[in-house]
Protein backbone atom coordinates (compact mmCIF):
# COMPACT_ATOMS: atom_id res chain seq x y z
CA MET A 1 -0.13 0.06 -0.06
CA PHE A 2 2.77 2.01 0.97
CA ASN A 3 6.44 3.15 -0.47
CA GLN A 4 8.25 2.02 2.52
CA LEU A 5 11.08 4.39 3.58
CA ASN A 6 14.19 2.57 4.48
CA LYS A 7 17.11 4.73 4.84
CA SER A 8 17.15 5.47 8.40
CA ILE A 9 18.14 9.80 7.19
CA MET A 10 16.85 11.01 3.74
CA THR A 11 17.17 14.27 2.45
CA THR A 12 14.00 16.59 1.64
CA LYS A 13 14.73 16.00 -2.23
CA GLU A 14 14.33 12.15 -1.54
CA VAL A 15 11.63 11.85 0.43
CA LEU A 16 9.84 13.96 -2.15
CA GLU A 17 10.98 12.48 -5.30
CA GLN A 18 10.70 8.75 -4.40
CA ASN A 19 7.04 9.01 -2.59
CA GLY A 20 5.67 11.68 -5.47
CA LEU A 21 5.40 14.09 -3.57
CA ASP A 22 8.07 16.46 -6.04
CA PHE A 23 4.97 18.95 -7.18
CA THR A 24 4.60 22.37 -6.56
CA ILE A 25 1.29 24.51 -6.25
CA SER A 26 0.32 27.47 -7.75
CA LYS A 27 -2.40 29.86 -7.19
CA ARG A 28 -3.65 31.18 -10.54
CA GLU A 29 -6.29 33.86 -10.43
CA LEU A 30 -8.83 33.00 -12.23
CA PHE A 31 -11.27 34.93 -14.82
CA ASP A 32 -14.86 34.83 -16.13
CA SER A 33 -15.87 35.00 -19.90
CA ASN A 34 -15.57 38.73 -20.28
CA GLY A 35 -11.91 38.81 -18.97
CA ASN A 36 -12.84 40.23 -15.95
CA GLY A 37 -11.15 39.06 -12.37
CA SER A 38 -13.71 36.70 -10.84
CA GLY A 39 -12.26 36.93 -7.27
CA TYR A 40 -11.73 33.92 -6.91
CA PHE A 41 -8.10 31.41 -7.51
CA GLY A 42 -7.62 28.21 -8.76
CA LEU A 43 -5.37 25.87 -6.81
CA PHE A 44 -3.41 23.69 -9.40
CA ASN A 45 -0.75 20.61 -9.16
CA ASP A 46 1.94 22.68 -11.37
CA LYS A 47 2.75 19.33 -12.23
CA LEU A 48 -0.42 17.77 -13.67
CA ASN A 49 -1.40 21.27 -14.60
CA LYS A 50 -4.32 20.62 -13.29
CA CYS A 51 -7.12 22.60 -11.27
CA ILE A 52 -7.56 20.52 -7.95
CA ASN A 53 -9.61 23.04 -6.09
CA THR A 54 -10.96 27.32 -6.55
CA VAL A 55 -9.86 29.10 -2.92
CA LYS A 56 -10.82 33.21 -2.45
CA GLU A 57 -7.45 35.54 -2.61
CA GLY A 58 -6.59 35.03 1.33
CA TYR A 59 -6.04 31.45 0.55
CA LYS A 60 -2.41 30.65 1.92
CA ILE A 61 -0.47 27.81 0.35
CA SER A 62 1.19 25.22 2.01
CA GLN A 63 4.13 23.65 -0.54
CA ASN A 64 4.93 19.64 -0.23
CA GLU A 65 8.81 20.72 -0.28
CA GLU A 66 8.10 23.54 3.30
CA VAL A 67 6.48 20.76 4.79
CA VAL A 68 8.80 17.96 4.48
CA GLU A 69 12.15 19.82 5.71
CA LEU A 70 9.74 20.87 8.51
CA VAL A 71 8.83 17.73 9.26
CA LEU A 72 12.59 16.11 8.62
CA GLN A 73 13.88 18.87 11.20
CA GLY A 74 11.43 18.18 13.64
CA ILE A 75 12.77 14.37 14.44
CA LYS A 76 16.34 15.32 14.32
CA PRO A 77 15.66 15.64 18.50
CA PHE A 78 14.77 11.83 18.72
CA GLY A 79 17.50 10.21 16.44
CA SER A 80 17.33 6.89 15.53
CA ASP A 81 13.97 6.80 17.34
CA LEU A 82 11.83 8.89 15.11
CA LYS A 83 12.00 8.52 11.53
CA VAL A 84 10.02 9.18 7.75
CA THR A 85 8.62 5.29 6.83
CA LYS A 86 5.26 6.40 4.95
CA ALA A 87 4.59 9.06 2.55
CA GLY A 88 2.63 9.50 -0.67
CA SER A 89 -0.38 11.75 -1.56
CA MET A 90 -4.32 11.01 -2.40
CA ASN A 91 -6.23 12.13 -5.29
CA GLU A 92 -3.97 13.77 -7.40
CA GLY A 93 -2.17 15.58 -5.15
CA ARG A 94 -5.44 17.18 -3.22
CA LYS A 95 -4.05 15.85 0.15
CA VAL A 96 -0.64 14.91 0.77
CA PHE A 97 0.79 12.27 4.46
CA LEU A 98 4.10 11.36 5.80
CA GLN A 99 3.92 8.66 8.54
CA LEU A 100 6.44 9.08 11.27
CA GLY A 101 7.97 5.17 12.84
CA ILE A 102 8.21 5.42 16.42
CA GLN A 103 11.23 3.25 17.47
CA GLY A 104 10.31 -0.44 19.29
CA HIS A 105 7.10 -2.01 19.88
CA SER A 106 3.95 -1.59 22.09
CA LYS A 107 1.92 -4.43 23.71
CA VAL A 108 -1.31 -4.33 24.30
CA ALA A 109 -2.53 -8.14 25.95
CA ASN A 110 -0.66 -10.54 23.16
CA ASP A 111 -0.89 -7.81 20.13
CA ILE A 112 2.09 -6.09 19.27
CA ILE A 113 1.52 -2.72 18.10
CA GLU A 114 3.74 -0.34 15.64
CA ARG A 115 2.97 3.52 16.15
CA TYR A 116 3.37 5.94 14.31
CA VAL A 117 2.60 10.09 14.34
CA THR A 118 1.25 10.91 11.21
CA ILE A 119 0.92 14.14 9.16
CA ILE A 120 -1.53 15.43 6.64
CA ASP A 121 -1.76 17.92 4.54
CA SER A 122 -3.72 19.38 1.97
CA ASN A 123 -2.93 21.66 -1.33
CA ASP A 124 -6.92 22.11 -2.04
CA GLY A 125 -7.85 23.77 1.29
CA SER A 126 -10.18 21.08 2.43
CA THR A 127 -8.80 20.92 5.48
CA SER A 128 -6.14 22.00 8.34
CA LEU A 129 -2.80 21.01 8.13
CA SER A 130 -2.82 18.06 11.16
CA ILE A 131 -0.85 16.07 13.48
CA GLY A 132 -2.00 12.98 14.85
CA ILE A 133 -1.50 9.52 15.45
CA GLY A 134 -1.45 6.06 13.76
CA ASP A 135 -1.81 2.60 14.48
CA LEU A 136 -0.79 -0.72 13.44
CA THR A 137 -1.73 -3.82 14.74
CA MET A 138 0.71 -6.61 13.58
CA SER A 139 -1.57 -9.90 13.93
CA CYS A 140 -4.33 -8.37 11.65
CA GLN A 141 -2.99 -5.32 9.83
CA ASN A 142 -5.53 -3.38 11.17
CA GLN A 143 -4.93 0.75 10.87
CA PHE A 144 -6.17 3.05 12.72
CA PHE A 145 -5.93 7.38 13.30
CA LYS A 146 -6.08 10.11 14.97
CA PHE A 147 -6.23 13.54 14.55
CA TYR A 148 -7.27 15.77 17.78
CA LYS A 149 -9.48 18.16 17.48
CA ALA A 150 -7.23 20.75 19.76
CA GLY A 151 -6.64 23.54 17.74
CA GLU A 152 -3.30 23.63 18.09
CA ALA A 153 -2.64 20.33 16.11
CA LYS A 154 -4.22 21.81 12.99
CA PHE A 155 -3.20 24.94 10.93
CA ARG A 156 -5.60 26.76 8.80
CA HIS A 157 -4.14 28.40 5.12
CA SER A 158 -4.82 31.82 6.27
CA ALA A 159 -1.89 34.65 6.93
CA SER A 160 -0.55 32.66 10.00
CA LEU A 161 -0.13 29.13 8.72
CA GLU A 162 3.77 30.60 7.58
CA HIS A 163 4.63 31.47 11.34
CA ARG A 164 2.75 28.29 12.76
CA ILE A 165 4.09 25.53 10.26
CA LYS A 166 6.94 26.27 12.62
CA GLU A 167 5.58 24.89 15.40
CA ILE A 168 5.17 21.40 13.81
CA PRO A 169 8.65 20.22 15.68
CA PHE A 170 6.88 20.95 18.75
CA LEU A 171 3.84 19.03 17.62
CA ILE A 172 5.60 15.89 17.05
CA GLU A 173 6.82 15.37 20.19
CA THR A 174 3.35 16.13 21.63
CA ALA A 175 1.45 13.52 19.30
CA LEU A 176 4.40 11.18 20.91
CA ASN A 177 3.01 11.57 24.06
CA ARG A 178 -0.83 11.11 22.49
CA SER A 179 0.22 8.13 21.42
CA LEU A 180 1.57 6.40 24.57
CA ARG A 181 -1.73 7.48 25.71
CA GLN A 182 -3.52 5.68 23.30
CA ILE A 183 -1.93 2.38 23.84
CA GLU A 184 -2.56 3.04 27.54
CA VAL A 185 -6.28 3.29 26.82
CA TYR A 186 -6.28 0.50 24.54
CA GLU A 187 -4.53 -1.74 27.55
CA GLN A 188 -7.38 -0.60 29.17
CA MET A 189 -10.06 -1.70 26.70
CA ALA A 190 -8.42 -4.65 26.92
CA ASN A 191 -9.26 -5.38 30.48
CA HIS A 192 -12.30 -4.55 30.28
CA SER A 193 -14.87 -7.69 29.67
CA ILE A 194 -18.41 -7.44 27.68
CA THR A 195 -20.84 -9.47 26.07
CA ARG A 196 -22.05 -10.13 23.41
CA ASP A 197 -24.99 -8.16 23.55
CA LEU A 198 -22.33 -5.06 23.17
CA ALA A 199 -21.84 -5.69 20.23
CA ASP A 200 -25.47 -5.60 18.62
CA GLN A 201 -25.66 -2.41 19.89
CA MET A 202 -22.36 -1.76 18.64
CA VAL A 203 -23.24 -2.50 14.72
CA LYS A 204 -26.67 -0.47 15.55
CA TYR A 205 -24.73 2.11 16.53
CA LEU A 206 -22.86 2.70 13.53
CA LEU A 207 -24.96 1.59 10.98
CA GLY A 208 -28.29 2.30 12.10
CA PHE A 209 -29.62 -0.74 11.79
CA ASP A 210 -28.45 -3.99 13.63
CA LYS A 211 -29.84 -8.26 14.15
CA VAL A 212 -31.09 -7.89 17.77
CA TYR A 213 -32.53 -4.41 18.17
CA THR A 214 -34.12 -3.40 15.17
CA SER A 215 -37.63 -5.04 13.69
CA VAL A 216 -37.88 -7.51 11.44
CA SER A 217 -40.13 -5.59 8.90
CA ASP A 218 -37.32 -2.88 9.33
CA LEU A 219 -34.06 -5.08 8.71
CA ALA A 220 -36.65 -6.08 5.36
CA ASP A 221 -36.71 -3.29 3.99
CA LYS A 222 -33.12 -2.67 3.54
CA SER A 223 -31.28 -3.10 0.24
CA THR A 224 -29.48 -6.16 -0.44
CA ARG A 225 -26.25 -3.83 0.06
CA SER A 226 -26.61 -2.65 3.41
CA ILE A 227 -27.07 -6.19 4.84
CA ASN A 228 -24.58 -7.47 3.53
CA LYS A 229 -22.21 -4.61 4.61
CA MET A 230 -23.92 -5.24 8.32
CA GLU A 231 -23.53 -8.96 8.02
CA THR A 232 -19.43 -8.53 6.83
CA LEU A 233 -19.05 -5.82 10.22
CA TYR A 234 -20.67 -8.95 12.75
CA ASN A 235 -18.12 -11.15 11.07
CA CYS A 236 -15.90 -8.92 11.64
CA ILE A 237 -16.48 -7.84 15.52
CA GLU A 238 -16.86 -12.27 15.62
CA ASP A 239 -12.88 -12.80 14.36
CA GLN A 240 -11.11 -10.26 16.47
CA ILE A 241 -13.25 -11.03 19.53
CA ASN A 242 -12.32 -14.71 19.08
CA ASP A 243 -8.58 -14.00 18.73
CA LYS A 244 -8.33 -10.84 20.91
CA GLY A 245 -10.86 -11.98 23.50
CA LEU A 246 -14.86 -10.73 24.76
CA ASN A 247 -13.16 -7.63 25.71
CA LEU A 248 -13.63 -3.84 24.59
CA TRP A 249 -9.88 -4.00 22.47
CA GLY A 250 -12.02 -7.20 20.78
CA LEU A 251 -14.93 -5.25 20.08
CA HIS A 252 -12.59 -2.00 18.73
CA SER A 253 -10.51 -4.42 16.50
CA GLY A 254 -13.21 -5.91 14.49
CA ILE A 255 -14.40 -2.30 13.70
CA THR A 256 -10.36 -1.64 12.70
CA LYS A 257 -10.76 -4.69 10.56
CA PHE A 258 -13.95 -3.60 8.75
CA THR A 259 -12.81 0.02 8.20
CA THR A 260 -9.15 -1.52 7.25
CA HIS A 261 -10.05 -4.13 5.12
CA GLU A 262 -13.75 -4.28 4.09
CA ILE A 263 -15.01 -0.90 3.67
CA SER A 264 -15.60 0.68 0.11
CA ALA A 265 -13.13 3.15 -1.03
CA PRO A 266 -11.88 5.46 -4.02
CA LYS A 267 -10.32 2.99 -6.62
CA ARG A 268 -7.20 5.30 -6.87
CA GLU A 269 -3.83 5.22 -5.74
CA ASN A 270 -3.96 5.30 -1.91
CA GLY A 271 -7.78 5.36 -1.85
CA LYS A 272 -7.58 3.13 1.43
CA LEU A 273 -5.38 5.13 3.60
CA GLU A 274 -7.59 8.07 2.24
CA THR A 275 -10.82 6.23 3.69
CA ILE A 276 -9.16 5.34 6.78
CA MET A 277 -7.09 8.36 7.44
CA LEU A 278 -9.96 11.10 5.69
CA GLY A 279 -12.91 9.78 5.23
CA ASN A 280 -16.26 7.31 6.47
CA GLY A 281 -13.39 4.40 7.73
CA TYR A 282 -11.84 7.12 10.15
CA ASN A 283 -14.76 8.65 10.82
CA MET A 284 -16.62 5.05 11.53
CA ASN A 285 -13.29 4.21 13.93
CA GLN A 286 -13.51 7.29 15.71
CA LYS A 287 -17.58 6.81 16.63
CA SER A 288 -16.47 2.69 17.80
CA LEU A 289 -14.28 4.99 20.34
CA LYS A 290 -17.07 7.48 21.57
CA PHE A 291 -18.58 4.25 21.92
CA VAL A 292 -16.14 2.24 23.63
CA GLU A 293 -16.52 5.48 26.15
CA GLU A 294 -19.91 5.87 26.89
CA LYS A 295 -20.15 2.53 28.59
CA SER A 296 -17.25 1.96 29.62
CA GLY A 297 -16.50 5.14 31.34
CA ILE A 298 -12.45 5.12 29.47
CA LEU A 299 -11.55 8.38 28.80
CA VAL A 300 -10.55 8.80 24.89
CA LEU A 301 -8.75 11.60 23.90
CA ALA A 302 -10.41 14.28 22.21
């Protein structure tokens, strides 16, 4: 799925070129049919010479090179403990991401977890530059991302962007601390036993219907596609509970298995990643954690 960056120390140019990030974005004024300024500007992927969105004049561009350079500066104090391991672009460069692998593994029950600091930025103005975390459960290759709502972890493309982007090194350290906290949450989940009834409640919470709490007549009104989606989600939950135990970690892992391996995704480069980092898969994973918090009282970082 990803380009693997195995070299311990990479230059900005190497990261850009080896991962298809060696393109720039330009903001070009748009005109109406009479040649008058429209008040809008097109954001162009210069490598493709393609307009990827339109914005107002106040929108500030952050170039891939600038972001990658500051990320590489930000990880220098950590030496070999933190390095760029994955990077890429999504949807013709509309969004770009970098993952910083954290040396060593964490353990939750019998699961080995690889941890990442994740940076994502939009070149089309649709999202802020955000720094969060990412986890990969080795046994099942389930992936989970979380970008925090706190304002200090998001940069809007406004006049202050040039100044705020220089805070990236500090925010990388903040994300490292939050990553450790996320592992603590997982450990609490693994120690919290559940009944299988909670799986039905989870499915109802995520899809709006389930096998137990939804009436037969209401289920009959669902499309074949919806029923198949429900059955697949149940199968993923059952598989992960059998593997990890009848606990909240097994239940949540059933959701991350579904979003990682089963959910529909755009059929384009990094389309699956796009879904679990930004789209329906991401939203479903966050709802799963919220459900866990509501049912158990385990504090989930917002």
